[in-house]
Amino acid sequence: MNDNKKIAVITGANRGLGLETCRQLASQGVSVILTSRDPSKGKEAASLLQSEGLEVASHPLDVTRSESIQQLQQYLRQEFGRLDVLVNNAGVLKDSRDPVEASIFNTKIDALRTTLETNLYAPLLLCQALIPLMKKGDYGRVVNVSSSLGQLSEMSAGYPTYRISKTALNAVTGLLAAELQGTNILVNSACPGWVKTDMGGPDAPADPKEGVKTIVWLATLPDGGPTGGFFRDQQPIAW
């Protein structure tokens, strides 16, 4: 990979929003490391983007395993000595679409714990492990892929574990941004909207190309750009 290019890590990137984020960042000249829990699927996705003439490498990453996160950190430290962009895209939605099963009164703590492990703990652990690599070059862009379902200002019924996890992820965004004030490391949350992915389903109105626009914009913000914000369609939205 070109040493002069920005280096980006995208989690959960073998399909959907993650794959399209890799494509669009690489199209802008960023050296992208596509991570996937399944190494074979990651390699296949990276090969697809490489066939399009894009500079993309794959690396295995199970975001729920701290040792896997540490292995990624060691790889980045040894290969590049730095990291410029982190997109915490990997996520799960375990809630039933049945209104009775999806009631907060029927929510199983095990389901919540599993959801938090991927949607909250993993992005936090990744930031703890990888932001130090950004500090070395005094440059970093962190994008936590969140959802308007996590907005406290518009909280509603349904999808309880997912909503809770994204509300908490937004809190992590705010905490990180506050502690990084005065540095050139910008941390923001992005809502991609309802997108046609495995999670979003076929009825979603937007395709991944539209869904990643805000993610890519936040990942490539100029120096002095916003930090500690929540954005959809490249506009701030309420917490």
Protein backbone atom coordinates (compact mmCIF):
# COMPACT_ATOMS: atom_id res chain seq x y z
CA MET A 1 0.00 0.00 0.00
CA ASN A 2 1.11 3.56 -0.77
CA ASP A 3 2.67 5.18 2.32
CA ASN A 4 1.39 8.61 1.29
CA LYS A 5 -2.23 7.55 1.23
CA LYS A 6 -4.64 7.68 4.12
CA ILE A 7 -5.19 4.26 5.71
CA ALA A 8 -8.71 3.22 6.68
CA VAL A 9 -10.12 0.25 8.57
CA ILE A 10 -13.76 -0.69 7.98
CA THR A 11 -15.38 -3.31 10.22
CA GLY A 12 -18.03 -5.76 9.03
CA ALA A 13 -17.08 -4.88 5.48
CA ASN A 14 -17.59 -7.98 3.37
CA ARG A 15 -21.10 -6.89 2.33
CA GLY A 16 -23.71 -4.16 2.53
CA LEU A 17 -22.81 -0.75 3.89
CA GLY A 18 -19.32 -1.84 4.89
CA LEU A 19 -18.44 -3.07 1.41
CA GLU A 20 -19.80 0.07 -0.25
CA THR A 21 -17.92 2.25 2.25
CA CYS A 22 -14.72 0.44 1.26
CA ARG A 23 -15.50 0.99 -2.40
CA GLN A 24 -16.18 4.71 -2.07
CA LEU A 25 -13.22 5.45 0.20
CA ALA A 26 -10.85 3.50 -2.05
CA SER A 27 -12.28 5.39 -5.03
CA GLN A 28 -11.14 8.58 -3.29
CA GLY A 29 -7.57 7.29 -3.06
CA VAL A 30 -7.69 5.86 0.45
CA SER A 31 -5.85 2.60 1.17
CA VAL A 32 -8.60 0.45 2.66
CA ILE A 33 -8.34 -2.52 4.99
CA LEU A 34 -11.57 -4.46 4.71
CA THR A 35 -12.21 -6.52 7.82
CA SER A 36 -14.57 -9.44 8.17
CA ARG A 37 -15.26 -12.09 10.80
CA ASP A 38 -15.10 -14.75 8.07
CA PRO A 39 -11.63 -14.53 6.45
CA SER A 40 -12.75 -16.22 3.23
CA LYS A 41 -15.66 -13.81 2.77
CA GLY A 42 -13.33 -10.91 3.48
CA LYS A 43 -10.82 -12.05 0.88
CA GLU A 44 -13.61 -12.56 -1.65
CA ALA A 45 -14.97 -9.06 -1.05
CA ALA A 46 -11.49 -7.52 -1.26
CA SER A 47 -10.84 -9.39 -4.51
CA LEU A 48 -14.04 -7.97 -5.96
CA LEU A 49 -12.93 -4.42 -5.19
CA GLN A 50 -9.40 -5.13 -6.41
CA SER A 51 -10.91 -6.27 -9.72
CA GLU A 52 -12.42 -2.79 -9.95
CA GLY A 53 -8.91 -1.33 -9.72
CA LEU A 54 -9.19 -0.29 -6.08
CA GLU A 55 -6.51 -0.53 -3.39
CA VAL A 56 -8.13 -2.79 -0.81
CA ALA A 57 -6.64 -5.44 1.46
CA SER A 58 -8.52 -7.83 3.73
CA HIS A 59 -7.82 -8.71 7.35
CA PRO A 60 -9.81 -11.05 9.61
CA LEU A 61 -11.53 -9.40 12.56
CA ASP A 62 -14.06 -10.78 15.01
CA VAL A 63 -15.11 -7.57 16.77
CA THR A 64 -16.45 -9.55 19.74
CA ARG A 65 -13.02 -11.01 20.56
CA SER A 66 -10.50 -8.71 22.21
CA GLU A 67 -7.60 -10.87 21.02
CA SER A 68 -8.77 -10.41 17.42
CA ILE A 69 -8.84 -6.64 17.93
CA GLN A 70 -5.31 -6.77 19.36
CA GLN A 71 -4.12 -8.81 16.37
CA LEU A 72 -5.48 -6.11 14.06
CA GLN A 73 -3.74 -3.41 16.09
CA GLN A 74 -0.43 -5.31 15.87
CA TYR A 75 -0.84 -5.73 12.11
CA LEU A 76 -1.45 -2.01 11.63
CA ARG A 77 1.44 -1.06 13.89
CA GLN A 78 3.86 -3.37 12.09
CA GLU A 79 2.72 -2.68 8.52
CA PHE A 80 2.00 1.05 8.65
CA GLY A 81 2.81 2.43 12.08
CA ARG A 82 -0.37 4.46 12.00
CA LEU A 83 -4.09 4.56 11.19
CA ASP A 84 -6.04 7.49 9.73
CA VAL A 85 -9.67 6.35 9.51
CA LEU A 86 -11.79 3.90 11.49
CA VAL A 87 -15.37 3.12 10.49
CA ASN A 88 -17.15 1.05 13.14
CA ASN A 89 -19.73 -0.47 10.82
CA ALA A 90 -20.12 -4.02 12.16
CA GLY A 91 -23.47 -4.44 13.85
CA VAL A 92 -26.30 -6.83 14.63
CA LEU A 93 -30.06 -6.55 14.95
CA LYS A 94 -31.45 -9.38 17.05
CA ASP A 95 -34.90 -7.96 17.79
CA SER A 96 -38.02 -9.66 16.49
CA ARG A 97 -40.29 -7.72 14.17
CA ASP A 98 -43.28 -9.16 16.02
CA PRO A 99 -44.67 -6.36 18.24
CA VAL A 100 -45.35 -8.70 21.17
CA GLU A 101 -41.94 -10.39 21.11
CA ALA A 102 -40.25 -7.04 20.50
CA SER A 103 -41.79 -5.41 23.57
CA ILE A 104 -39.32 -4.05 26.12
CA PHE A 105 -41.31 -6.05 28.69
CA ASN A 106 -40.37 -9.27 26.88
CA THR A 107 -36.76 -8.40 26.09
CA LYS A 108 -34.35 -11.13 27.11
CA ILE A 109 -31.20 -9.89 28.82
CA ASP A 110 -29.15 -12.45 26.88
CA ALA A 111 -30.34 -10.88 23.63
CA LEU A 112 -29.45 -7.42 24.92
CA ARG A 113 -26.03 -8.63 26.09
CA THR A 114 -25.30 -10.17 22.66
CA THR A 115 -26.38 -7.00 20.89
CA LEU A 116 -24.30 -4.76 23.15
CA GLU A 117 -21.26 -6.98 22.63
CA THR A 118 -21.21 -6.18 18.91
CA ASN A 119 -22.88 -2.76 18.69
CA LEU A 120 -21.34 -1.10 21.76
CA TYR A 121 -18.45 -2.94 23.39
CA ALA A 122 -16.72 -3.70 20.08
CA PRO A 123 -16.60 -0.11 18.77
CA LEU A 124 -15.35 1.07 22.17
CA LEU A 125 -12.62 -1.59 22.30
CA LEU A 126 -11.60 -0.80 18.73
CA CYS A 127 -11.32 2.90 19.55
CA GLN A 128 -9.27 2.13 22.65
CA ALA A 129 -6.93 -0.06 20.59
CA LEU A 130 -6.65 2.00 17.40
CA ILE A 131 -6.99 5.69 18.29
CA PRO A 132 -3.47 5.62 19.81
CA LEU A 133 -2.24 4.87 16.27
CA MET A 134 -4.06 8.02 15.10
CA LYS A 135 -2.50 10.12 17.85
CA LYS A 136 0.97 9.35 16.47
CA GLY A 137 0.22 11.35 13.34
CA ASP A 138 -2.20 13.79 14.99
CA TYR A 139 -4.81 12.82 12.43
CA GLY A 140 -7.86 10.63 12.73
CA ARG A 141 -11.43 10.26 11.60
CA VAL A 142 -13.68 7.87 13.53
CA VAL A 143 -17.19 7.12 12.29
CA ASN A 144 -19.53 5.11 14.49
CA VAL A 145 -22.36 3.77 12.35
CA SER A 146 -25.43 4.40 14.47
CA SER A 147 -29.15 4.77 13.77
CA SER A 148 -31.96 7.23 14.31
CA LEU A 149 -33.61 4.38 16.22
CA GLY A 150 -31.16 5.30 18.98
CA GLN A 151 -32.28 8.92 19.23
CA LEU A 152 -33.48 9.67 22.76
CA SER A 153 -35.38 12.66 21.38
CA GLU A 154 -37.51 10.37 19.19
CA MET A 155 -37.54 7.16 21.21
CA SER A 156 -40.39 4.84 20.34
CA ALA A 157 -41.43 1.22 20.84
CA GLY A 158 -39.92 -1.72 18.99
CA TYR A 159 -36.36 -2.95 18.41
CA PRO A 160 -35.44 -2.46 22.09
CA THR A 161 -32.00 -4.08 22.16
CA TYR A 162 -30.95 -2.37 18.94
CA ARG A 163 -32.22 1.02 20.11
CA ILE A 164 -30.44 0.72 23.47
CA SER A 165 -27.18 -0.29 21.81
CA LYS A 166 -27.21 2.64 19.38
CA THR A 167 -28.14 5.16 22.08
CA ALA A 168 -25.18 3.92 24.11
CA LEU A 169 -22.91 4.02 21.02
CA ASN A 170 -23.83 7.67 20.58
CA ALA A 171 -22.75 8.28 24.17
CA VAL A 172 -19.38 6.69 23.36
CA THR A 173 -19.07 9.05 20.39
CA GLY A 174 -19.64 12.06 22.63
CA LEU A 175 -17.21 10.85 25.29
CA LEU A 176 -14.44 10.15 22.79
CA ALA A 177 -14.90 13.50 21.04
CA ALA A 178 -14.79 15.33 24.39
CA GLU A 179 -11.55 13.65 25.44
CA LEU A 180 -9.98 14.27 22.02
CA GLN A 181 -10.72 18.00 21.94
CA GLY A 182 -7.66 19.91 20.83
CA THR A 183 -6.41 17.06 18.63
CA ASN A 184 -6.98 16.51 14.93
CA ILE A 185 -8.99 13.35 15.65
CA LEU A 186 -12.68 13.81 14.86
CA VAL A 187 -15.28 11.35 16.15
CA ASN A 188 -18.88 11.34 14.92
CA SER A 189 -21.93 9.10 14.67
CA ALA A 190 -23.66 8.51 11.35
CA CYS A 191 -27.18 7.34 10.60
CA PRO A 192 -27.19 5.79 7.11
CA GLY A 193 -30.99 5.67 7.02
CA TRP A 194 -33.08 2.66 6.04
CA VAL A 195 -30.98 0.87 3.45
CA LYS A 196 -31.40 -2.28 1.35
CA THR A 197 -28.99 -4.61 3.16
CA ASP A 198 -29.29 -7.96 4.88
CA MET A 199 -30.25 -6.04 8.02
CA GLY A 200 -32.46 -3.43 6.37
CA GLY A 201 -34.31 -5.88 4.14
CA PRO A 202 -35.57 -5.58 0.56
CA ASP A 203 -38.28 -3.00 1.32
CA ALA A 204 -35.84 -0.29 2.36
CA PRO A 205 -36.04 2.83 0.16
CA ALA A 206 -32.29 3.52 -0.18
CA ASP A 207 -29.48 1.50 -1.69
CA PRO A 208 -26.02 1.20 -0.09
CA LYS A 209 -24.54 3.83 -2.44
CA GLU A 210 -26.87 6.42 -0.91
CA GLY A 211 -26.61 4.98 2.60
CA VAL A 212 -22.84 5.41 2.90
CA LYS A 213 -22.66 9.03 1.72
CA THR A 214 -22.70 10.45 5.25
CA ILE A 215 -20.28 7.78 6.48
CA VAL A 216 -17.77 8.57 3.71
CA TRP A 217 -18.21 12.32 4.25
CA LEU A 218 -17.43 11.98 7.97
CA ALA A 219 -14.49 9.66 7.22
CA THR A 220 -12.92 12.30 4.99
CA LEU A 221 -13.69 15.50 6.91
CA PRO A 222 -11.17 18.33 6.51
CA ASP A 223 -9.16 19.54 9.48
CA GLY A 224 -11.36 21.63 11.75
CA GLY A 225 -14.47 19.67 10.78
CA PRO A 226 -17.24 18.77 13.21
CA THR A 227 -16.66 16.32 16.04
CA GLY A 228 -18.95 14.80 18.63
CA GLY A 229 -21.97 15.06 16.33
CA PHE A 230 -24.74 12.83 15.00
CA PHE A 231 -25.41 13.14 11.27
CA ARG A 232 -27.82 11.90 8.62
CA ASP A 233 -27.77 13.08 5.00
CA GLN A 234 -24.65 15.09 5.97
CA GLN A 235 -26.75 17.21 8.34
CA PRO A 236 -26.73 17.19 12.16
CA ILE A 237 -29.64 15.44 13.84
CA ALA A 238 -30.79 15.46 17.47
CA TRP A 239 -29.45 12.95 19.97
